[in-house]
């Protein structure tokens, strides 16, 4: 009889301890939040660094040989040149950018993120505000240390139809 009592005591202790150590969400049958997607994190950091004018942080998000394709069809090559472009933009505008991702995927050491964006711009010289929108594509390369950096970035700007 003593053996049965020990078995039931252990079973009871195990059952009680399982409820004590299970996170509240799991106890309710809900899954724990997923691990943040590194591409989504980079996209959010990029917008935040542009908004808060964190030029060096923004520049370091690119590979050394990155290419930035501007809406007018020109391209800027290399981290240093992209840094200079961003410096010019930050000196002229304050940006509040929102990405609306349509597609994102990873395969091996490459990833992409594409979609639409809306941007509120404040021209610093005269305080005028404007709204722009368009599409974007970012191509990422995973580095030897596991970090993802932007290898190519493409922006389009939608222009309102002329009537």
N, C-alpha and C. Protein backbone atom coordinates (compact mmCIF):
# COMPACT_ATOMS: atom_id res chain seq x y z
N UNK A 1 0.82 -1.19 0.00
CA UNK A 1 0.00 0.00 0.00
C UNK A 1 0.86 1.25 0.00
N UNK A 2 1.98 1.17 0.69
CA UNK A 2 2.89 2.32 0.75
C UNK A 2 3.41 2.71 -0.64
N UNK A 3 3.66 1.77 -1.49
CA UNK A 3 4.16 2.03 -2.84
C UNK A 3 3.11 2.77 -3.65
N UNK A 4 1.86 2.38 -3.54
CA UNK A 4 0.80 3.07 -4.28
C UNK A 4 0.69 4.52 -3.81
N UNK A 5 0.76 4.74 -2.51
CA UNK A 5 0.67 6.10 -1.99
C UNK A 5 1.80 6.95 -2.52
N UNK A 6 3.02 6.49 -2.58
CA UNK A 6 4.16 7.23 -3.12
C UNK A 6 3.95 7.54 -4.60
N UNK A 7 3.42 6.58 -5.34
CA UNK A 7 3.18 6.79 -6.75
C UNK A 7 2.16 7.90 -6.96
N UNK A 8 1.06 7.86 -6.23
CA UNK A 8 0.03 8.89 -6.37
C UNK A 8 0.52 10.24 -5.87
N UNK A 9 1.35 10.24 -4.83
CA UNK A 9 1.93 11.49 -4.33
C UNK A 9 2.82 12.11 -5.40
N UNK A 10 3.66 11.30 -6.01
CA UNK A 10 4.53 11.79 -7.08
C UNK A 10 3.71 12.30 -8.27
N UNK A 11 2.69 11.57 -8.63
CA UNK A 11 1.82 11.98 -9.73
C UNK A 11 1.16 13.32 -9.43
N UNK A 12 0.66 13.46 -8.20
CA UNK A 12 0.03 14.72 -7.79
C UNK A 12 1.04 15.87 -7.81
N UNK A 13 2.22 15.65 -7.28
CA UNK A 13 3.26 16.68 -7.27
C UNK A 13 3.66 17.06 -8.70
N UNK A 14 3.78 16.07 -9.56
CA UNK A 14 4.14 16.35 -10.94
C UNK A 14 3.05 17.19 -11.62
N UNK A 15 1.80 16.83 -11.42
CA UNK A 15 0.69 17.55 -12.04
C UNK A 15 0.63 18.99 -11.53
N UNK A 16 0.77 19.18 -10.22
CA UNK A 16 0.74 20.53 -9.65
C UNK A 16 1.92 21.35 -10.14
N UNK A 17 3.11 20.75 -10.17
CA UNK A 17 4.29 21.50 -10.61
C UNK A 17 4.19 21.87 -12.08
N UNK A 18 3.54 21.05 -12.88
CA UNK A 18 3.39 21.38 -14.29
C UNK A 18 2.58 22.66 -14.45
N UNK A 19 1.54 22.84 -13.64
CA UNK A 19 0.74 24.06 -13.72
C UNK A 19 1.48 25.27 -13.16
N UNK A 20 2.32 25.05 -12.18
CA UNK A 20 3.06 26.16 -11.58
C UNK A 20 4.11 26.70 -12.54
N UNK A 21 4.75 25.82 -13.31
CA UNK A 21 5.87 26.25 -14.15
C UNK A 21 5.48 26.53 -15.60
N UNK A 22 4.25 26.27 -15.97
CA UNK A 22 3.80 26.57 -17.33
C UNK A 22 3.47 28.05 -17.39
N UNK A 23 3.96 28.77 -18.43
CA UNK A 23 3.59 30.17 -18.57
C UNK A 23 2.08 30.33 -18.68
N UNK A 24 1.58 31.48 -18.25
CA UNK A 24 0.13 31.72 -18.21
C UNK A 24 -0.51 31.51 -19.57
N UNK A 25 0.13 32.01 -20.64
CA UNK A 25 -0.47 31.85 -21.97
C UNK A 25 -0.59 30.38 -22.35
N UNK A 26 0.44 29.56 -21.99
CA UNK A 26 0.39 28.14 -22.32
C UNK A 26 -0.71 27.45 -21.54
N UNK A 27 -0.92 27.86 -20.31
CA UNK A 27 -1.96 27.25 -19.50
C UNK A 27 -3.34 27.50 -20.10
N UNK A 28 -3.47 28.56 -20.84
CA UNK A 28 -4.75 28.89 -21.49
C UNK A 28 -4.84 28.29 -22.88
N UNK A 29 -3.83 27.54 -23.29
CA UNK A 29 -3.86 26.91 -24.61
C UNK A 29 -3.38 27.82 -25.73
N UNK A 30 -2.79 28.95 -25.40
CA UNK A 30 -2.28 29.85 -26.42
C UNK A 30 -0.80 29.60 -26.63
N UNK A 31 -0.36 29.76 -27.85
CA UNK A 31 1.05 29.59 -28.15
C UNK A 31 1.83 30.81 -27.69
N UNK A 32 3.09 30.57 -27.34
CA UNK A 32 3.98 31.68 -27.00
C UNK A 32 4.24 32.47 -28.27
N UNK A 33 4.51 33.77 -28.15
CA UNK A 33 4.74 34.57 -29.35
C UNK A 33 5.94 34.02 -30.14
N UNK A 34 5.85 34.06 -31.47
CA UNK A 34 6.95 33.53 -32.28
C UNK A 34 8.21 34.39 -32.14
N UNK A 35 9.33 33.77 -32.42
CA UNK A 35 10.59 34.49 -32.41
C UNK A 35 10.53 35.57 -33.48
N UNK A 36 10.95 36.80 -33.17
CA UNK A 36 10.87 37.87 -34.16
C UNK A 36 11.66 37.54 -35.43
N UNK A 37 11.05 37.82 -36.56
CA UNK A 37 11.69 37.61 -37.85
C UNK A 37 12.80 38.64 -38.02
N UNK A 38 14.03 38.21 -38.31
CA UNK A 38 15.12 39.18 -38.44
C UNK A 38 14.90 40.18 -39.58
N UNK A 39 14.24 39.76 -40.63
CA UNK A 39 13.98 40.67 -41.76
C UNK A 39 12.97 41.74 -41.34
N UNK A 40 11.94 41.36 -40.62
CA UNK A 40 10.96 42.33 -40.12
C UNK A 40 11.63 43.31 -39.16
N UNK A 41 12.53 42.80 -38.32
CA UNK A 41 13.26 43.66 -37.37
C UNK A 41 14.12 44.67 -38.12
N UNK A 42 14.81 44.23 -39.16
CA UNK A 42 15.65 45.14 -39.95
C UNK A 42 14.80 46.20 -40.63
N UNK A 43 13.68 45.79 -41.19
CA UNK A 43 12.78 46.74 -41.86
C UNK A 43 12.33 47.82 -40.87
N UNK A 44 11.94 47.42 -39.67
CA UNK A 44 11.51 48.37 -38.65
C UNK A 44 12.67 49.26 -38.20
N UNK A 45 13.84 48.68 -38.01
CA UNK A 45 15.02 49.47 -37.61
C UNK A 45 15.39 50.49 -38.68
N UNK A 46 15.27 50.09 -39.94
CA UNK A 46 15.62 50.99 -41.04
C UNK A 46 14.73 52.24 -40.97
N UNK A 47 13.43 52.03 -40.85
CA UNK A 47 12.50 53.16 -40.79
C UNK A 47 12.77 54.02 -39.56
N UNK A 48 13.04 53.39 -38.41
CA UNK A 48 13.31 54.13 -37.18
C UNK A 48 14.62 54.92 -37.29
N UNK A 49 15.66 54.30 -37.85
CA UNK A 49 16.93 55.01 -38.02
C UNK A 49 16.79 56.20 -38.97
N UNK A 50 15.98 56.07 -39.99
CA UNK A 50 15.76 57.19 -40.91
C UNK A 50 14.99 58.30 -40.19
N UNK A 51 13.94 57.91 -39.45
CA UNK A 51 13.12 58.90 -38.75
C UNK A 51 13.92 59.66 -37.69
N UNK A 52 14.75 58.95 -36.95
CA UNK A 52 15.51 59.57 -35.86
C UNK A 52 16.89 60.06 -36.29
N UNK A 53 17.14 59.95 -37.59
CA UNK A 53 18.38 60.46 -38.20
C UNK A 53 19.63 59.83 -37.59
N UNK A 54 19.59 58.53 -37.44
CA UNK A 54 20.72 57.74 -36.95
C UNK A 54 21.55 57.30 -38.16
N UNK A 55 22.31 58.24 -38.72
CA UNK A 55 23.01 58.02 -39.98
C UNK A 55 23.96 56.83 -39.93
N UNK A 56 24.80 56.75 -38.91
CA UNK A 56 25.79 55.67 -38.86
C UNK A 56 25.12 54.31 -38.68
N UNK A 57 24.09 54.24 -37.84
CA UNK A 57 23.37 52.98 -37.68
C UNK A 57 22.72 52.57 -38.99
N UNK A 58 22.15 53.54 -39.70
CA UNK A 58 21.51 53.26 -40.98
C UNK A 58 22.53 52.75 -41.98
N UNK A 59 23.67 53.41 -42.09
CA UNK A 59 24.70 53.01 -43.06
C UNK A 59 25.21 51.60 -42.78
N UNK A 60 25.32 51.25 -41.51
CA UNK A 60 25.85 49.93 -41.14
C UNK A 60 24.85 48.80 -41.40
N UNK A 61 23.66 49.13 -41.85
CA UNK A 61 22.67 48.11 -42.20
C UNK A 61 22.91 47.57 -43.62
N UNK A 62 23.85 48.16 -44.34
CA UNK A 62 24.15 47.78 -45.72
C UNK A 62 25.46 47.01 -45.81
N UNK A 63 25.56 46.13 -46.81
CA UNK A 63 26.83 45.48 -47.11
C UNK A 63 27.76 46.54 -47.70
N UNK A 64 29.05 46.27 -47.67
CA UNK A 64 30.05 47.22 -48.23
C UNK A 64 29.77 47.51 -49.70
N UNK A 65 29.28 46.52 -50.45
CA UNK A 65 29.07 46.67 -51.88
C UNK A 65 27.59 46.83 -52.25
N UNK A 66 26.79 47.27 -51.32
CA UNK A 66 25.34 47.40 -51.54
C UNK A 66 25.03 48.37 -52.68
N UNK A 67 23.86 48.18 -53.26
CA UNK A 67 23.37 49.07 -54.32
C UNK A 67 21.99 49.59 -53.91
N UNK A 68 21.82 50.90 -54.01
CA UNK A 68 20.55 51.55 -53.70
C UNK A 68 20.01 52.14 -55.00
N UNK A 69 18.87 51.65 -55.47
CA UNK A 69 18.24 52.13 -56.69
C UNK A 69 17.20 53.18 -56.31
N UNK A 70 17.41 54.39 -56.74
CA UNK A 70 16.52 55.50 -56.40
C UNK A 70 15.28 55.51 -57.30
N UNK A 71 14.22 56.17 -56.86
CA UNK A 71 12.98 56.22 -57.65
C UNK A 71 13.17 56.83 -59.04
N UNK A 72 14.18 57.70 -59.22
CA UNK A 72 14.37 58.32 -60.53
C UNK A 72 15.16 57.45 -61.49
N UNK A 73 15.52 56.25 -61.08
CA UNK A 73 16.22 55.33 -61.97
C UNK A 73 17.73 55.30 -61.79
N UNK A 74 18.29 56.24 -61.06
CA UNK A 74 19.73 56.22 -60.82
C UNK A 74 20.04 55.25 -59.68
N UNK A 75 21.30 54.90 -59.58
CA UNK A 75 21.68 54.01 -58.49
C UNK A 75 22.91 54.56 -57.79
N UNK A 76 23.03 54.19 -56.53
CA UNK A 76 24.16 54.58 -55.69
C UNK A 76 24.80 53.27 -55.25
N UNK A 77 26.13 53.17 -55.41
CA UNK A 77 26.81 51.91 -55.11
C UNK A 77 27.79 52.05 -53.96
N UNK A 78 27.70 51.12 -53.03
CA UNK A 78 28.61 51.07 -51.90
C UNK A 78 28.05 51.72 -50.66
N UNK A 79 28.41 51.15 -49.50
CA UNK A 79 27.92 51.66 -48.22
C UNK A 79 28.23 53.14 -48.03
N UNK A 80 29.42 53.56 -48.40
CA UNK A 80 29.82 54.95 -48.21
C UNK A 80 28.95 55.90 -49.03
N UNK A 81 28.69 55.53 -50.28
CA UNK A 81 27.86 56.38 -51.14
C UNK A 81 26.41 56.40 -50.65
N UNK A 82 25.92 55.27 -50.16
CA UNK A 82 24.56 55.21 -49.60
C UNK A 82 24.49 56.07 -48.34
N UNK A 83 25.53 56.02 -47.54
CA UNK A 83 25.60 56.87 -46.35
C UNK A 83 25.50 58.34 -46.74
N UNK A 84 26.25 58.76 -47.77
CA UNK A 84 26.22 60.15 -48.23
C UNK A 84 24.83 60.54 -48.74
N UNK A 85 24.18 59.64 -49.46
CA UNK A 85 22.83 59.90 -49.95
C UNK A 85 21.88 60.10 -48.77
N UNK A 86 21.95 59.22 -47.78
CA UNK A 86 21.08 59.31 -46.61
C UNK A 86 21.36 60.59 -45.82
N UNK A 87 22.62 60.97 -45.75
CA UNK A 87 22.99 62.21 -45.05
C UNK A 87 22.33 63.41 -45.72
N UNK A 88 22.35 63.43 -47.04
CA UNK A 88 21.71 64.52 -47.79
C UNK A 88 20.21 64.55 -47.54
N UNK A 89 19.59 63.39 -47.59
CA UNK A 89 18.14 63.31 -47.36
C UNK A 89 17.80 63.76 -45.94
N UNK A 90 18.58 63.29 -44.96
CA UNK A 90 18.31 63.65 -43.57
C UNK A 90 18.52 65.14 -43.30
N UNK A 91 19.42 65.77 -44.03
CA UNK A 91 19.65 67.20 -43.86
C UNK A 91 18.51 68.03 -44.43
N UNK A 92 17.81 67.45 -45.40
CA UNK A 92 16.73 68.18 -46.06
C UNK A 92 15.34 67.86 -45.52
N UNK A 93 15.16 66.62 -45.03
CA UNK A 93 13.83 66.16 -44.62
C UNK A 93 13.87 65.43 -43.29
N UNK A 94 12.71 65.39 -42.65
CA UNK A 94 12.45 64.43 -41.59
C UNK A 94 11.41 63.48 -42.16
N UNK A 95 11.69 62.19 -42.05
CA UNK A 95 10.85 61.17 -42.66
C UNK A 95 10.11 60.37 -41.59
N UNK A 96 8.85 60.09 -41.86
CA UNK A 96 8.08 59.15 -41.04
C UNK A 96 7.53 58.13 -42.02
N UNK A 97 8.14 56.96 -42.02
CA UNK A 97 7.92 55.94 -43.04
C UNK A 97 7.21 54.74 -42.46
N UNK A 98 6.25 54.20 -43.19
CA UNK A 98 5.56 52.97 -42.80
C UNK A 98 5.65 51.99 -43.95
N UNK A 99 6.16 50.81 -43.65
CA UNK A 99 6.22 49.74 -44.64
C UNK A 99 4.97 48.87 -44.54
N UNK A 100 4.49 48.40 -45.68
CA UNK A 100 3.38 47.47 -45.76
C UNK A 100 3.88 46.27 -46.56
N UNK A 101 4.39 45.28 -45.86
CA UNK A 101 5.01 44.14 -46.53
C UNK A 101 3.98 43.31 -47.27
N UNK A 102 4.34 42.94 -48.50
CA UNK A 102 3.49 42.07 -49.31
C UNK A 102 4.10 40.67 -49.38
N UNK A 103 5.42 40.60 -49.53
CA UNK A 103 6.09 39.30 -49.63
C UNK A 103 7.46 39.37 -48.99
N UNK A 104 7.80 38.31 -48.29
CA UNK A 104 9.13 38.18 -47.71
C UNK A 104 9.47 36.69 -47.68
N UNK A 105 10.74 36.39 -47.97
CA UNK A 105 11.14 34.99 -47.97
C UNK A 105 12.65 34.90 -47.81
N UNK A 106 13.11 33.73 -47.36
CA UNK A 106 14.54 33.47 -47.19
C UNK A 106 14.87 32.14 -47.82
N UNK A 107 16.08 32.07 -48.37
CA UNK A 107 16.60 30.81 -48.88
C UNK A 107 18.11 30.86 -48.74
N UNK A 108 18.63 30.01 -47.89
CA UNK A 108 20.07 30.00 -47.65
C UNK A 108 20.53 31.33 -47.07
N UNK A 109 21.48 31.95 -47.72
CA UNK A 109 22.05 33.22 -47.25
C UNK A 109 21.45 34.44 -47.93
N UNK A 110 20.35 34.26 -48.64
CA UNK A 110 19.68 35.38 -49.29
C UNK A 110 18.24 35.48 -48.78
N UNK A 111 17.74 36.71 -48.73
CA UNK A 111 16.36 36.95 -48.34
C UNK A 111 15.87 38.18 -49.08
N UNK A 112 14.57 38.31 -49.19
CA UNK A 112 14.01 39.54 -49.76
C UNK A 112 12.78 39.95 -48.99
N UNK A 113 12.46 41.22 -49.12
CA UNK A 113 11.27 41.80 -48.51
C UNK A 113 10.75 42.82 -49.49
N UNK A 114 9.48 42.75 -49.84
CA UNK A 114 8.92 43.72 -50.79
C UNK A 114 7.52 44.09 -50.38
N UNK A 115 7.10 45.25 -50.87
CA UNK A 115 5.75 45.71 -50.58
C UNK A 115 5.58 47.17 -50.93
N UNK A 116 4.69 47.81 -50.21
CA UNK A 116 4.37 49.22 -50.41
C UNK A 116 4.85 50.02 -49.21
N UNK A 117 5.00 51.30 -49.42
CA UNK A 117 5.34 52.18 -48.30
C UNK A 117 4.55 53.46 -48.42
N UNK A 118 4.34 54.09 -47.29
CA UNK A 118 3.83 55.45 -47.26
C UNK A 118 4.81 56.25 -46.41
N UNK A 119 5.03 57.49 -46.80
CA UNK A 119 6.01 58.30 -46.10
C UNK A 119 5.50 59.72 -45.97
N UNK A 120 5.58 60.23 -44.76
CA UNK A 120 5.29 61.64 -44.50
C UNK A 120 6.63 62.34 -44.41
N UNK A 121 6.80 63.38 -45.19
CA UNK A 121 8.05 64.13 -45.22
C UNK A 121 7.82 65.55 -44.73
N UNK A 122 8.74 66.02 -43.91
CA UNK A 122 8.73 67.39 -43.46
C UNK A 122 10.00 68.04 -44.00
N UNK A 123 9.83 69.02 -44.91
CA UNK A 123 10.98 69.74 -45.46
C UNK A 123 11.47 70.71 -44.39
N UNK A 124 12.72 70.56 -43.99
CA UNK A 124 13.26 71.34 -42.89
C UNK A 124 13.45 72.81 -43.23
N UNK A 125 13.71 73.11 -44.49
CA UNK A 125 13.98 74.50 -44.87
C UNK A 125 12.77 75.41 -44.72
N UNK A 126 11.57 74.89 -44.98
CA UNK A 126 10.39 75.76 -44.93
C UNK A 126 9.22 75.16 -44.14
N UNK A 127 9.37 73.95 -43.61
CA UNK A 127 8.33 73.35 -42.79
C UNK A 127 7.17 72.75 -43.57
N UNK A 128 7.28 72.67 -44.89
CA UNK A 128 6.19 72.09 -45.67
C UNK A 128 6.16 70.58 -45.49
N UNK A 129 4.95 70.05 -45.50
CA UNK A 129 4.75 68.61 -45.36
C UNK A 129 4.24 68.04 -46.67
N UNK A 130 4.66 66.81 -46.93
CA UNK A 130 4.16 66.11 -48.12
C UNK A 130 4.03 64.63 -47.80
N UNK A 131 3.21 63.97 -48.56
CA UNK A 131 3.00 62.53 -48.42
C UNK A 131 3.43 61.87 -49.72
N UNK A 132 4.17 60.80 -49.60
CA UNK A 132 4.55 60.02 -50.79
C UNK A 132 4.22 58.56 -50.51
N UNK A 133 4.12 57.82 -51.58
CA UNK A 133 3.94 56.38 -51.45
C UNK A 133 4.50 55.71 -52.69
N UNK A 134 4.76 54.45 -52.57
CA UNK A 134 5.31 53.70 -53.69
C UNK A 134 5.56 52.26 -53.28
N UNK A 135 6.50 51.64 -53.95
CA UNK A 135 6.84 50.25 -53.65
C UNK A 135 8.32 50.16 -53.31
N UNK A 136 8.68 49.07 -52.67
CA UNK A 136 10.08 48.86 -52.30
C UNK A 136 10.43 47.39 -52.45
N UNK A 137 11.71 47.14 -52.59
CA UNK A 137 12.26 45.79 -52.56
C UNK A 137 13.61 45.87 -51.87
N UNK A 138 13.81 45.04 -50.87
CA UNK A 138 15.11 44.94 -50.21
C UNK A 138 15.59 43.50 -50.37
N UNK A 139 16.85 43.35 -50.77
CA UNK A 139 17.49 42.04 -50.87
C UNK A 139 18.55 42.01 -49.78
N UNK A 140 18.56 40.94 -48.99
CA UNK A 140 19.46 40.81 -47.86
C UNK A 140 20.44 39.67 -48.08
N UNK A 141 21.64 39.83 -47.53
CA UNK A 141 22.64 38.76 -47.51
C UNK A 141 23.01 38.48 -46.07
N UNK A 142 23.03 37.19 -45.72
CA UNK A 142 23.47 36.81 -44.38
C UNK A 142 25.00 36.82 -44.37
N UNK A 143 25.58 37.47 -43.38
CA UNK A 143 27.02 37.59 -43.26
C UNK A 143 27.59 36.38 -42.52
N UNK A 144 28.91 36.25 -42.52
CA UNK A 144 29.59 35.13 -41.86
C UNK A 144 29.23 35.04 -40.37
N UNK A 145 28.96 36.21 -39.75
CA UNK A 145 28.61 36.23 -38.32
C UNK A 145 27.12 35.97 -38.08
N UNK A 146 26.35 35.70 -39.14
CA UNK A 146 24.92 35.41 -39.02
C UNK A 146 24.02 36.61 -39.17
N UNK A 147 24.59 37.82 -39.18
CA UNK A 147 23.78 39.04 -39.32
C UNK A 147 23.29 39.19 -40.76
N UNK A 148 22.10 39.74 -40.89
CA UNK A 148 21.55 40.05 -42.21
C UNK A 148 21.81 41.52 -42.52
N UNK A 149 22.33 41.81 -43.72
CA UNK A 149 22.55 43.19 -44.16
C UNK A 149 21.86 43.38 -45.51
N UNK A 150 21.52 44.63 -45.79
CA UNK A 150 20.87 44.97 -47.06
C UNK A 150 21.93 44.97 -48.16
N UNK A 151 21.71 44.17 -49.21
CA UNK A 151 22.63 44.11 -50.34
C UNK A 151 22.13 44.97 -51.50
N UNK A 152 20.82 45.02 -51.67
CA UNK A 152 20.22 45.86 -52.70
C UNK A 152 18.89 46.39 -52.18
N UNK A 153 18.60 47.63 -52.59
CA UNK A 153 17.35 48.25 -52.18
C UNK A 153 16.82 49.05 -53.36
N UNK A 154 15.55 48.86 -53.65
CA UNK A 154 14.91 49.52 -54.78
C UNK A 154 13.68 50.26 -54.26
N UNK A 155 13.53 51.52 -54.68
CA UNK A 155 12.35 52.32 -54.34
C UNK A 155 11.69 52.79 -55.61
N UNK A 156 10.37 52.76 -55.63
CA UNK A 156 9.62 53.45 -56.67
C UNK A 156 8.75 54.47 -55.96
N UNK A 157 8.39 55.47 -56.68
CA UNK A 157 7.47 56.46 -56.11
C UNK A 157 6.29 56.57 -57.05
N UNK A 158 5.11 56.35 -56.49
CA UNK A 158 3.89 56.45 -57.29
C UNK A 158 3.55 57.93 -57.46
N UNK A 159 3.33 58.31 -58.67
CA UNK A 159 2.95 59.71 -58.92
C UNK A 159 1.45 59.76 -59.18
N UNK A 160 0.81 60.79 -58.67
CA UNK A 160 -0.63 60.89 -58.91
C UNK A 160 -0.91 61.09 -60.41
N UNK A 161 -2.00 60.52 -60.89
CA UNK A 161 -2.31 60.70 -62.31
C UNK A 161 -2.58 62.17 -62.62
N UNK A 162 -2.14 62.60 -63.79
CA UNK A 162 -2.39 64.00 -64.20
C UNK A 162 -3.71 64.05 -64.97
N UNK A 163 -4.55 65.00 -64.60
CA UNK A 163 -5.86 65.14 -65.26
C UNK A 163 -5.97 66.51 -65.84
